[in-house]
Amino acid sequence: MEYDRANWTPAVRRSICTGEREGGLRNLHTGQFRSECCIRTQKDLEAFQRKYGVDHLPEFY
């Protein structure tokens, strides 16, 4: 998927309380997060990584 790489990066947001994970894009300048999908399994995570062509995704809370 094409996105503005100068301003956005793929990332995973994790809930402190439940551990639930969301995949999306995070703005490098403002920290704004645009959620795209819920990541429930390792397969979900791998599919999200393939979509954006990355091997590692930063996680934040």
PDB file of N, CA and C in Angstrom:
ATOM      1  N   MET A   1       0.846  -1.184   0.000  1.00  0.00           N
ATOM      2  CA  MET A   1       0.000   0.000   0.000  1.00  0.00           C
ATOM      3  C   MET A   1       0.889   1.245   0.000  1.00  0.00           C
ATOM      4  N   GLU A   2       0.532   2.196  -0.795  1.00  0.00           N
ATOM      5  CA  GLU A   2       1.288   3.446  -0.844  1.00  0.00           C
ATOM      6  C   GLU A   2       0.810   4.394   0.263  1.00  0.00           C
ATOM      7  N   TYR A   3       1.762   5.047   0.878  1.00  0.00           N
ATOM      8  CA  TYR A   3       1.475   6.042   1.906  1.00  0.00           C
ATOM      9  C   TYR A   3       2.632   7.026   1.930  1.00  0.00           C
ATOM     10  N   ASP A   4       2.439   8.133   2.579  1.00  0.00           N
ATOM     11  CA  ASP A   4       3.452   9.189   2.650  1.00  0.00           C
ATOM     12  C   ASP A   4       4.536   8.788   3.651  1.00  0.00           C
ATOM     13  N   ARG A   5       5.597   8.158   3.153  1.00  0.00           N
ATOM     14  CA  ARG A   5       6.667   7.649   4.016  1.00  0.00           C
ATOM     15  C   ARG A   5       7.437   8.747   4.744  1.00  0.00           C
ATOM     16  N   ALA A   6       7.379   9.962   4.239  1.00  0.00           N
ATOM     17  CA  ALA A   6       8.071  11.072   4.900  1.00  0.00           C
ATOM     18  C   ALA A   6       7.343  11.500   6.174  1.00  0.00           C
ATOM     19  N   ASN A   7       6.059  11.177   6.262  1.00  0.00           N
ATOM     20  CA  ASN A   7       5.266  11.621   7.402  1.00  0.00           C
ATOM     21  C   ASN A   7       4.618  10.500   8.211  1.00  0.00           C
ATOM     22  N   TRP A   8       4.528   9.304   7.652  1.00  0.00           N
ATOM     23  CA  TRP A   8       3.816   8.201   8.315  1.00  0.00           C
ATOM     24  C   TRP A   8       4.677   6.949   8.329  1.00  0.00           C
ATOM     25  N   THR A   9       4.496   6.123   9.363  1.00  0.00           N
ATOM     26  CA  THR A   9       5.192   4.854   9.455  1.00  0.00           C
ATOM     27  C   THR A   9       4.224   3.793   9.990  1.00  0.00           C
ATOM     28  N   PRO A  10       4.312   2.553   9.495  1.00  0.00           N
ATOM     29  CA  PRO A  10       3.480   1.491  10.049  1.00  0.00           C
ATOM     30  C   PRO A  10       3.870   1.232  11.504  1.00  0.00           C
ATOM     31  N   ALA A  11       2.885   0.963  12.344  1.00  0.00           N
ATOM     32  CA  ALA A  11       3.144   0.733  13.761  1.00  0.00           C
ATOM     33  C   ALA A  11       2.008  -0.085  14.358  1.00  0.00           C
ATOM     34  N   VAL A  12       2.240  -0.573  15.570  1.00  0.00           N
ATOM     35  CA  VAL A  12       1.238  -1.323  16.316  1.00  0.00           C
ATOM     36  C   VAL A  12       0.975  -0.592  17.621  1.00  0.00           C
ATOM     37  N   ARG A  13      -0.302  -0.339  17.882  1.00  0.00           N
ATOM     38  CA  ARG A  13      -0.696   0.275  19.155  1.00  0.00           C
ATOM     39  C   ARG A  13      -1.250  -0.833  20.032  1.00  0.00           C
ATOM     40  N   ARG A  14      -0.755  -0.890  21.268  1.00  0.00           N
ATOM     41  CA  ARG A  14      -1.169  -1.946  22.200  1.00  0.00           C
ATOM     42  C   ARG A  14      -1.848  -1.322  23.418  1.00  0.00           C
ATOM     43  N   SER A  15      -2.935  -1.944  23.835  1.00  0.00           N
ATOM     44  CA  SER A  15      -3.648  -1.491  25.022  1.00  0.00           C
ATOM     45  C   SER A  15      -2.897  -1.926  26.278  1.00  0.00           C
ATOM     46  N   ILE A  16      -2.700  -1.022  27.202  1.00  0.00           N
ATOM     47  CA  ILE A  16      -2.043  -1.342  28.463  1.00  0.00           C
ATOM     48  C   ILE A  16      -2.907  -2.300  29.280  1.00  0.00           C
ATOM     49  N   CYS A  17      -4.213  -2.092  29.266  1.00  0.00           N
ATOM     50  CA  CYS A  17      -5.126  -2.887  30.095  1.00  0.00           C
ATOM     51  C   CYS A  17      -5.367  -4.287  29.558  1.00  0.00           C
ATOM     52  N   THR A  18      -5.661  -4.398  28.272  1.00  0.00           N
ATOM     53  CA  THR A  18      -6.086  -5.681  27.713  1.00  0.00           C
ATOM     54  C   THR A  18      -5.033  -6.361  26.847  1.00  0.00           C
ATOM     55  N   GLY A  19      -4.034  -5.627  26.409  1.00  0.00           N
ATOM     56  CA  GLY A  19      -3.034  -6.192  25.524  1.00  0.00           C
ATOM     57  C   GLY A  19      -3.475  -6.242  24.073  1.00  0.00           C
ATOM     58  N   GLU A  20      -4.694  -5.781  23.799  1.00  0.00           N
ATOM     59  CA  GLU A  20      -5.206  -5.775  22.428  1.00  0.00           C
ATOM     60  C   GLU A  20      -4.286  -4.952  21.537  1.00  0.00           C
ATOM     61  N   ARG A  21      -4.079  -5.417  20.302  1.00  0.00           N
ATOM     62  CA  ARG A  21      -3.181  -4.725  19.373  1.00  0.00           C
ATOM     63  C   ARG A  21      -3.937  -4.265  18.137  1.00  0.00           C
ATOM     64  N   GLU A  22      -3.571  -3.071  17.663  1.00  0.00           N
ATOM     65  CA  GLU A  22      -4.118  -2.504  16.426  1.00  0.00           C
ATOM     66  C   GLU A  22      -2.967  -2.157  15.502  1.00  0.00           C
ATOM     67  N   GLY A  23      -3.112  -2.503  14.242  1.00  0.00           N
ATOM     68  CA  GLY A  23      -2.136  -2.104  13.251  1.00  0.00           C
ATOM     69  C   GLY A  23      -2.616  -0.853  12.545  1.00  0.00           C
ATOM     70  N   GLY A  24      -1.699   0.029  12.218  1.00  0.00           N
ATOM     71  CA  GLY A  24      -2.071   1.254  11.524  1.00  0.00           C
ATOM     72  C   GLY A  24      -0.852   2.081  11.169  1.00  0.00           C
ATOM     73  N   LEU A  25      -1.098   3.324  10.853  1.00  0.00           N
ATOM     74  CA  LEU A  25      -0.026   4.250  10.498  1.00  0.00           C
ATOM     75  C   LEU A  25       0.085   5.323  11.566  1.00  0.00           C
ATOM     76  N   ARG A  26       1.325   5.642  11.948  1.00  0.00           N
ATOM     77  CA  ARG A  26       1.580   6.669  12.958  1.00  0.00           C
ATOM     78  C   ARG A  26       2.342   7.820  12.312  1.00  0.00           C
ATOM     79  N   ASN A  27       1.860   9.038  12.569  1.00  0.00           N
ATOM     80  CA  ASN A  27       2.502  10.236  12.050  1.00  0.00           C
ATOM     81  C   ASN A  27       3.817  10.452  12.789  1.00  0.00           C
ATOM     82  N   LEU A  28       4.889  10.595  12.036  1.00  0.00           N
ATOM     83  CA  LEU A  28       6.215  10.755  12.629  1.00  0.00           C
ATOM     84  C   LEU A  28       6.399  12.088  13.343  1.00  0.00           C
ATOM     85  N   HIS A  29       5.602  13.084  12.988  1.00  0.00           N
ATOM     86  CA  HIS A  29       5.767  14.425  13.545  1.00  0.00           C
ATOM     87  C   HIS A  29       4.805  14.709  14.694  1.00  0.00           C
ATOM     88  N   THR A  30       3.574  14.217  14.596  1.00  0.00           N
ATOM     89  CA  THR A  30       2.566  14.539  15.606  1.00  0.00           C
ATOM     90  C   THR A  30       2.223  13.374  16.523  1.00  0.00           C
ATOM     91  N   GLY A  31       2.555  12.149  16.105  1.00  0.00           N
ATOM     92  CA  GLY A  31       2.206  10.975  16.892  1.00  0.00           C
ATOM     93  C   GLY A  31       0.792  10.473  16.645  1.00  0.00           C
ATOM     94  N   GLN A  32       0.033  11.171  15.795  1.00  0.00           N
ATOM     95  CA  GLN A  32      -1.330  10.746  15.483  1.00  0.00           C
ATOM     96  C   GLN A  32      -1.304   9.329  14.924  1.00  0.00           C
ATOM     97  N   PHE A  33      -2.291   8.510  15.306  1.00  0.00           N
ATOM     98  CA  PHE A  33      -2.362   7.125  14.857  1.00  0.00           C
ATOM     99  C   PHE A  33      -3.645   6.912  14.075  1.00  0.00           C
ATOM    100  N   ARG A  34      -3.520   6.307  12.890  1.00  0.00           N
ATOM    101  CA  ARG A  34      -4.675   5.939  12.064  1.00  0.00           C
ATOM    102  C   ARG A  34      -4.797   4.424  12.075  1.00  0.00           C
ATOM    103  N   SER A  35      -5.782   3.931  12.790  1.00  0.00           N
ATOM    104  CA  SER A  35      -5.985   2.498  12.933  1.00  0.00           C
ATOM    105  C   SER A  35      -6.506   1.894  11.637  1.00  0.00           C
ATOM    106  N   GLU A  36      -5.995   0.706  11.292  1.00  0.00           N
ATOM    107  CA  GLU A  36      -6.438   0.001  10.092  1.00  0.00           C
ATOM    108  C   GLU A  36      -7.020  -1.365  10.393  1.00  0.00           C
ATOM    109  N   CYS A  37      -6.455  -2.075  11.369  1.00  0.00           N
ATOM    110  CA  CYS A  37      -6.936  -3.428  11.632  1.00  0.00           C
ATOM    111  C   CYS A  37      -6.619  -3.847  13.061  1.00  0.00           C
ATOM    112  N   CYS A  38      -7.362  -4.832  13.523  1.00  0.00           N
ATOM    113  CA  CYS A  38      -7.104  -5.437  14.821  1.00  0.00           C
ATOM    114  C   CYS A  38      -6.166  -6.614  14.588  1.00  0.00           C
ATOM    115  N   ILE A  39      -5.138  -6.728  15.399  1.00  0.00           N
ATOM    116  CA  ILE A  39      -4.177  -7.816  15.264  1.00  0.00           C
ATOM    117  C   ILE A  39      -4.408  -8.785  16.421  1.00  0.00           C
ATOM    118  N   ARG A  40      -5.011  -9.926  16.095  1.00  0.00           N
ATOM    119  CA  ARG A  40      -5.347 -10.919  17.122  1.00  0.00           C
ATOM    120  C   ARG A  40      -4.385 -12.100  17.134  1.00  0.00           C
ATOM    121  N   THR A  41      -3.813 -12.412  15.969  1.00  0.00           N
ATOM    122  CA  THR A  41      -2.940 -13.584  15.872  1.00  0.00           C
ATOM    123  C   THR A  41      -1.624 -13.202  15.192  1.00  0.00           C
ATOM    124  N   GLN A  42      -0.690 -14.138  15.245  1.00  0.00           N
ATOM    125  CA  GLN A  42       0.587 -13.938  14.567  1.00  0.00           C
ATOM    126  C   GLN A  42       0.363 -13.798  13.058  1.00  0.00           C
ATOM    127  N   LYS A  43      -0.605 -14.531  12.513  1.00  0.00           N
ATOM    128  CA  LYS A  43      -0.911 -14.425  11.082  1.00  0.00           C
ATOM    129  C   LYS A  43      -1.397 -13.021  10.723  1.00  0.00           C
ATOM    130  N   ASP A  44      -2.209 -12.414  11.592  1.00  0.00           N
ATOM    131  CA  ASP A  44      -2.668 -11.038  11.367  1.00  0.00           C
ATOM    132  C   ASP A  44      -1.479 -10.088  11.319  1.00  0.00           C
ATOM    133  N   LEU A  45      -0.545 -10.267  12.253  1.00  0.00           N
ATOM    134  CA  LEU A  45       0.643  -9.412  12.307  1.00  0.00           C
ATOM    135  C   LEU A  45       1.488  -9.586  11.048  1.00  0.00           C
ATOM    136  N   GLU A  46       1.690 -10.829  10.639  1.00  0.00           N
ATOM    137  CA  GLU A  46       2.488 -11.098   9.444  1.00  0.00           C
ATOM    138  C   GLU A  46       1.838 -10.515   8.194  1.00  0.00           C
ATOM    139  N   ALA A  47       0.513 -10.599   8.092  1.00  0.00           N
ATOM    140  CA  ALA A  47      -0.193 -10.025   6.943  1.00  0.00           C
ATOM    141  C   ALA A  47      -0.030  -8.506   6.921  1.00  0.00           C
ATOM    142  N   PHE A  48      -0.106  -7.879   8.082  1.00  0.00           N
ATOM    143  CA  PHE A  48       0.063  -6.425   8.168  1.00  0.00           C
ATOM    144  C   PHE A  48       1.488  -6.038   7.768  1.00  0.00           C
ATOM    145  N   GLN A  49       2.479  -6.801   8.211  1.00  0.00           N
ATOM    146  CA  GLN A  49       3.864  -6.530   7.846  1.00  0.00           C
ATOM    147  C   GLN A  49       4.079  -6.699   6.345  1.00  0.00           C
ATOM    148  N   ARG A  50       3.503  -7.721   5.753  1.00  0.00           N
ATOM    149  CA  ARG A  50       3.625  -7.922   4.301  1.00  0.00           C
ATOM    150  C   ARG A  50       2.975  -6.780   3.531  1.00  0.00           C
ATOM    151  N   LYS A  51       1.835  -6.310   4.019  1.00  0.00           N
ATOM    152  CA  LYS A  51       1.118  -5.222   3.347  1.00  0.00           C
ATOM    153  C   LYS A  51       2.012  -3.999   3.183  1.00  0.00           C
ATOM    154  N   TYR A  52       2.815  -3.707   4.208  1.00  0.00           N
ATOM    155  CA  TYR A  52       3.664  -2.524   4.181  1.00  0.00           C
ATOM    156  C   TYR A  52       5.133  -2.839   3.896  1.00  0.00           C
ATOM    157  N   GLY A  53       5.461  -4.104   3.695  1.00  0.00           N
ATOM    158  CA  GLY A  53       6.827  -4.478   3.344  1.00  0.00           C
ATOM    159  C   GLY A  53       7.843  -4.205   4.432  1.00  0.00           C
ATOM    160  N   VAL A  54       7.468  -4.471   5.685  1.00  0.00           N
ATOM    161  CA  VAL A  54       8.387  -4.248   6.804  1.00  0.00           C
ATOM    162  C   VAL A  54       8.599  -5.543   7.581  1.00  0.00           C
ATOM    163  N   ASP A  55       9.787  -5.675   8.185  1.00  0.00           N
ATOM    164  CA  ASP A  55      10.099  -6.852   8.995  1.00  0.00           C
ATOM    165  C   ASP A  55       9.835  -6.605  10.475  1.00  0.00           C
ATOM    166  N   HIS A  56       9.903  -5.347  10.869  1.00  0.00           N
ATOM    167  CA  HIS A  56       9.738  -5.003  12.293  1.00  0.00           C
ATOM    168  C   HIS A  56       8.773  -3.829  12.392  1.00  0.00           C
ATOM    169  N   LEU A  57       7.872  -3.919  13.361  1.00  0.00           N
ATOM    170  CA  LEU A  57       6.924  -2.828  13.595  1.00  0.00           C
ATOM    171  C   LEU A  57       7.115  -2.300  15.016  1.00  0.00           C
ATOM    172  N   PRO A  58       7.287  -1.002  15.160  1.00  0.00           N
ATOM    173  CA  PRO A  58       7.360  -0.447  16.515  1.00  0.00           C
ATOM    174  C   PRO A  58       6.011  -0.571  17.199  1.00  0.00           C
ATOM    175  N   GLU A  59       6.046  -0.872  18.495  1.00  0.00           N
ATOM    176  CA  GLU A  59       4.820  -0.928  19.296  1.00  0.00           C
ATOM    177  C   GLU A  59       4.837   0.237  20.264  1.00  0.00           C
ATOM    178  N   PHE A  60       3.672   0.778  20.503  1.00  0.00           N
ATOM    179  CA  PHE A  60       3.547   1.834  21.515  1.00  0.00           C
ATOM    180  C   PHE A  60       2.232   1.659  22.241  1.00  0.00           C
ATOM    181  N   TYR A  61       2.125   2.318  23.393  1.00  0.00           N
ATOM    182  CA  TYR A  61       0.928   2.193  24.230  1.00  0.00           C
ATOM    183  C   TYR A  61       0.140   3.481  24.229  1.00  0.00           C
TER     184      TYR A  61
END
